[in-house]
Protein backbone atom coordinates (compact mmCIF):
# COMPACT_ATOMS: atom_id res chain seq x y z
CA UNK A 1 21.77 28.48 9.72
CA UNK A 2 18.44 26.90 10.70
CA UNK A 3 17.97 25.02 7.39
CA UNK A 4 21.47 23.54 7.71
CA UNK A 5 20.73 22.35 11.24
CA UNK A 6 17.42 20.79 10.16
CA UNK A 7 19.15 19.07 7.22
CA UNK A 8 21.84 17.68 9.53
CA UNK A 9 19.27 16.32 12.02
CA UNK A 10 17.23 14.77 9.21
CA UNK A 11 20.33 13.11 7.75
CA UNK A 12 21.30 11.68 11.14
CA UNK A 13 17.80 10.29 11.64
CA UNK A 14 17.92 8.62 8.23
CA UNK A 15 21.32 7.11 8.99
CA UNK A 16 19.96 5.58 12.22
CA UNK A 17 17.95 3.20 10.07
CA UNK A 18 21.15 1.69 8.71
CA UNK A 19 21.83 0.14 12.10
CA UNK A 20 18.43 -1.52 12.45
CA UNK A 21 18.36 -5.29 12.32
CA UNK A 22 15.84 -7.18 10.23
CA UNK A 23 15.42 -10.01 12.73
CA UNK A 24 11.75 -10.84 13.35
CA UNK A 25 10.79 -10.41 17.02
CA UNK A 26 8.36 -12.90 18.56
CA UNK A 27 5.06 -11.88 20.18
CA UNK A 28 5.41 -8.27 19.15
CA UNK A 29 2.87 -5.70 18.03
CA UNK A 30 3.99 -3.28 15.29
CA UNK A 31 2.55 -0.13 13.70
CA UNK A 32 3.94 1.28 10.48
CA UNK A 33 2.99 4.00 8.02
CA UNK A 34 4.04 3.62 4.40
CA UNK A 35 4.20 5.63 1.18
CA UNK A 36 4.48 4.17 -2.30
CA UNK A 37 2.77 3.97 -5.64
CA UNK A 38 -0.42 2.44 -7.00
CA UNK A 39 -0.02 1.02 -10.50
CA UNK A 40 -3.17 0.24 -12.47
CA UNK A 41 -3.70 -1.92 -15.52
CA UNK A 42 -3.80 0.07 -18.76
CA UNK A 43 -7.19 -1.51 -19.48
CA UNK A 44 -8.75 0.38 -16.56
CA UNK A 45 -7.75 3.82 -17.90
CA UNK A 46 -6.75 4.97 -14.43
CA UNK A 47 -3.48 6.85 -14.14
CA UNK A 48 -0.83 5.56 -11.74
CA UNK A 49 -0.73 7.55 -8.51
CA UNK A 50 0.87 8.12 -5.15
CA UNK A 51 -0.44 5.87 -2.39
CA UNK A 52 -0.06 5.80 1.38
CA UNK A 53 -1.38 3.80 4.27
CA UNK A 54 -1.06 2.38 7.75
CA UNK A 55 -0.43 -1.15 8.93
CA UNK A 56 -0.83 -2.80 12.33
CA UNK A 57 0.60 -6.27 12.82
CA UNK A 58 1.43 -8.94 15.34
CA UNK A 59 4.16 -11.56 15.03
CA UNK A 60 2.97 -14.77 16.69
CA UNK A 61 6.42 -16.30 16.40
CA UNK A 62 9.53 -15.83 14.27
CA UNK A 63 7.88 -17.43 11.22
CA UNK A 64 4.24 -16.20 11.17
CA UNK A 65 2.68 -12.77 11.51
CA UNK A 66 -0.76 -11.28 10.94
CA UNK A 67 -1.47 -7.70 9.89
CA UNK A 68 -4.34 -5.41 9.05
CA UNK A 69 -3.94 -2.45 6.72
CA UNK A 70 -5.73 0.56 5.30
CA UNK A 71 -4.35 2.06 2.09
CA UNK A 72 -5.35 5.26 0.26
CA UNK A 73 -4.84 6.44 -3.30
CA UNK A 74 -6.09 9.47 -5.23
CA UNK A 75 -5.91 8.80 -8.98
CA UNK A 76 -7.05 10.46 -12.19
CA UNK A 77 -9.42 8.83 -14.67
CA UNK A 78 -8.66 9.20 -18.36
CA UNK A 79 -11.22 7.01 -20.16
CA UNK A 80 -11.30 7.68 -23.91
CA UNK A 81 -13.91 4.94 -24.37
CA UNK A 82 -16.75 7.19 -23.21
CA UNK A 83 -18.92 8.00 -26.21
CA UNK A 84 -21.65 6.62 -28.48
CA UNK A 85 -21.43 2.84 -28.87
CA UNK A 86 -18.52 2.50 -26.44
CA UNK A 87 -18.33 0.29 -23.36
CA UNK A 88 -16.64 2.60 -20.83
CA UNK A 89 -15.27 1.62 -17.44
CA UNK A 90 -16.75 4.81 -16.01
CA UNK A 91 -19.71 6.97 -17.02
CA UNK A 92 -17.46 9.99 -17.57
CA UNK A 93 -14.22 10.51 -19.49
CA UNK A 94 -12.12 12.43 -16.96
CA UNK A 95 -12.16 12.99 -13.23
CA UNK A 96 -10.73 12.07 -9.88
CA UNK A 97 -10.92 8.70 -8.19
CA UNK A 98 -10.40 8.16 -4.46
CA UNK A 99 -9.57 4.58 -3.52
CA UNK A 100 -9.56 3.08 -0.05
CA UNK A 101 -8.29 -0.47 0.39
CA UNK A 102 -8.59 -2.43 3.63
CA UNK A 103 -7.21 -5.92 4.07
CA UNK A 104 -5.91 -8.56 6.44
CA UNK A 105 -2.70 -10.40 5.58
CA UNK A 106 -0.74 -13.42 6.78
CA UNK A 107 3.04 -13.09 6.59
CA UNK A 108 5.47 -16.02 6.37
CA UNK A 109 9.06 -15.09 7.20
CA UNK A 110 11.59 -17.25 5.35
CA UNK A 111 14.77 -16.34 7.24
CA UNK A 112 13.70 -14.75 10.53
CA UNK A 113 17.11 -14.98 12.25
CA UNK A 114 19.21 -13.09 9.71
CA UNK A 115 19.86 -9.46 8.87
CA UNK A 116 18.22 -10.02 5.47
CA UNK A 117 14.65 -11.21 5.98
CA UNK A 118 12.61 -12.25 2.92
CA UNK A 119 8.92 -12.97 3.42
CA UNK A 120 5.76 -14.07 1.61
CA UNK A 121 2.41 -12.39 2.16
CA UNK A 122 -1.18 -13.28 1.22
CA UNK A 123 -4.45 -11.73 2.24
CA UNK A 124 -7.97 -10.61 1.46
CA UNK A 125 -10.08 -7.54 2.02
CA UNK A 126 -12.09 -4.94 0.21
CA UNK A 127 -11.74 -1.87 -1.92
CA UNK A 128 -13.86 1.26 -2.14
CA UNK A 129 -13.59 3.07 -5.48
CA UNK A 130 -15.08 6.56 -5.20
CA UNK A 131 -15.09 8.66 -8.37
CA UNK A 132 -15.92 12.33 -7.89
CA UNK A 133 -19.26 11.77 -9.67
CA UNK A 134 -20.56 9.82 -6.69
CA UNK A 135 -20.87 6.43 -8.46
CA UNK A 136 -18.87 4.57 -5.80
CA UNK A 137 -18.24 0.82 -5.91
CA UNK A 138 -17.11 -1.68 -3.29
CA UNK A 139 -15.19 -4.78 -4.39
CA UNK A 140 -13.74 -7.91 -2.76
CA UNK A 141 -9.95 -8.09 -3.24
CA UNK A 142 -7.18 -10.61 -2.71
CA UNK A 143 -3.46 -9.93 -2.60
CA UNK A 144 -0.21 -11.83 -2.51
CA UNK A 145 3.42 -10.95 -2.81
CA UNK A 146 6.94 -11.16 -1.51
CA UNK A 147 9.33 -8.72 0.09
CA UNK A 148 12.43 -8.30 2.18
């Protein structure tokens, strides 16, 4: 009986999101966790992985917002290029890679009054790539995209 009750409560909580409006509020601070995927170029020999993070943002008005984010990803390295005469991306063929990305973004809302709210985003920040061998690297990153 308990699992059925938990399932019913979870379903009702998920359905509550259907009634949310996408209208952009002015002068509002927002916090949001997220879960998704990190997809790497095949040239890097890093396997795609689960990713998650946290964002904090502020909407100055209905058209412009600013946000800061920290994103995490734990990926596997599968680099067949390691060997004599090769030019590997890493100094080892297999292992784990912990990535931490931190960035600031500017958001431009295209239709802030409607229930469907497309936006453009652009930003810059940094990335910390930490393989389990200890040969960590820090890189400057830029990002851009669109969403709704």
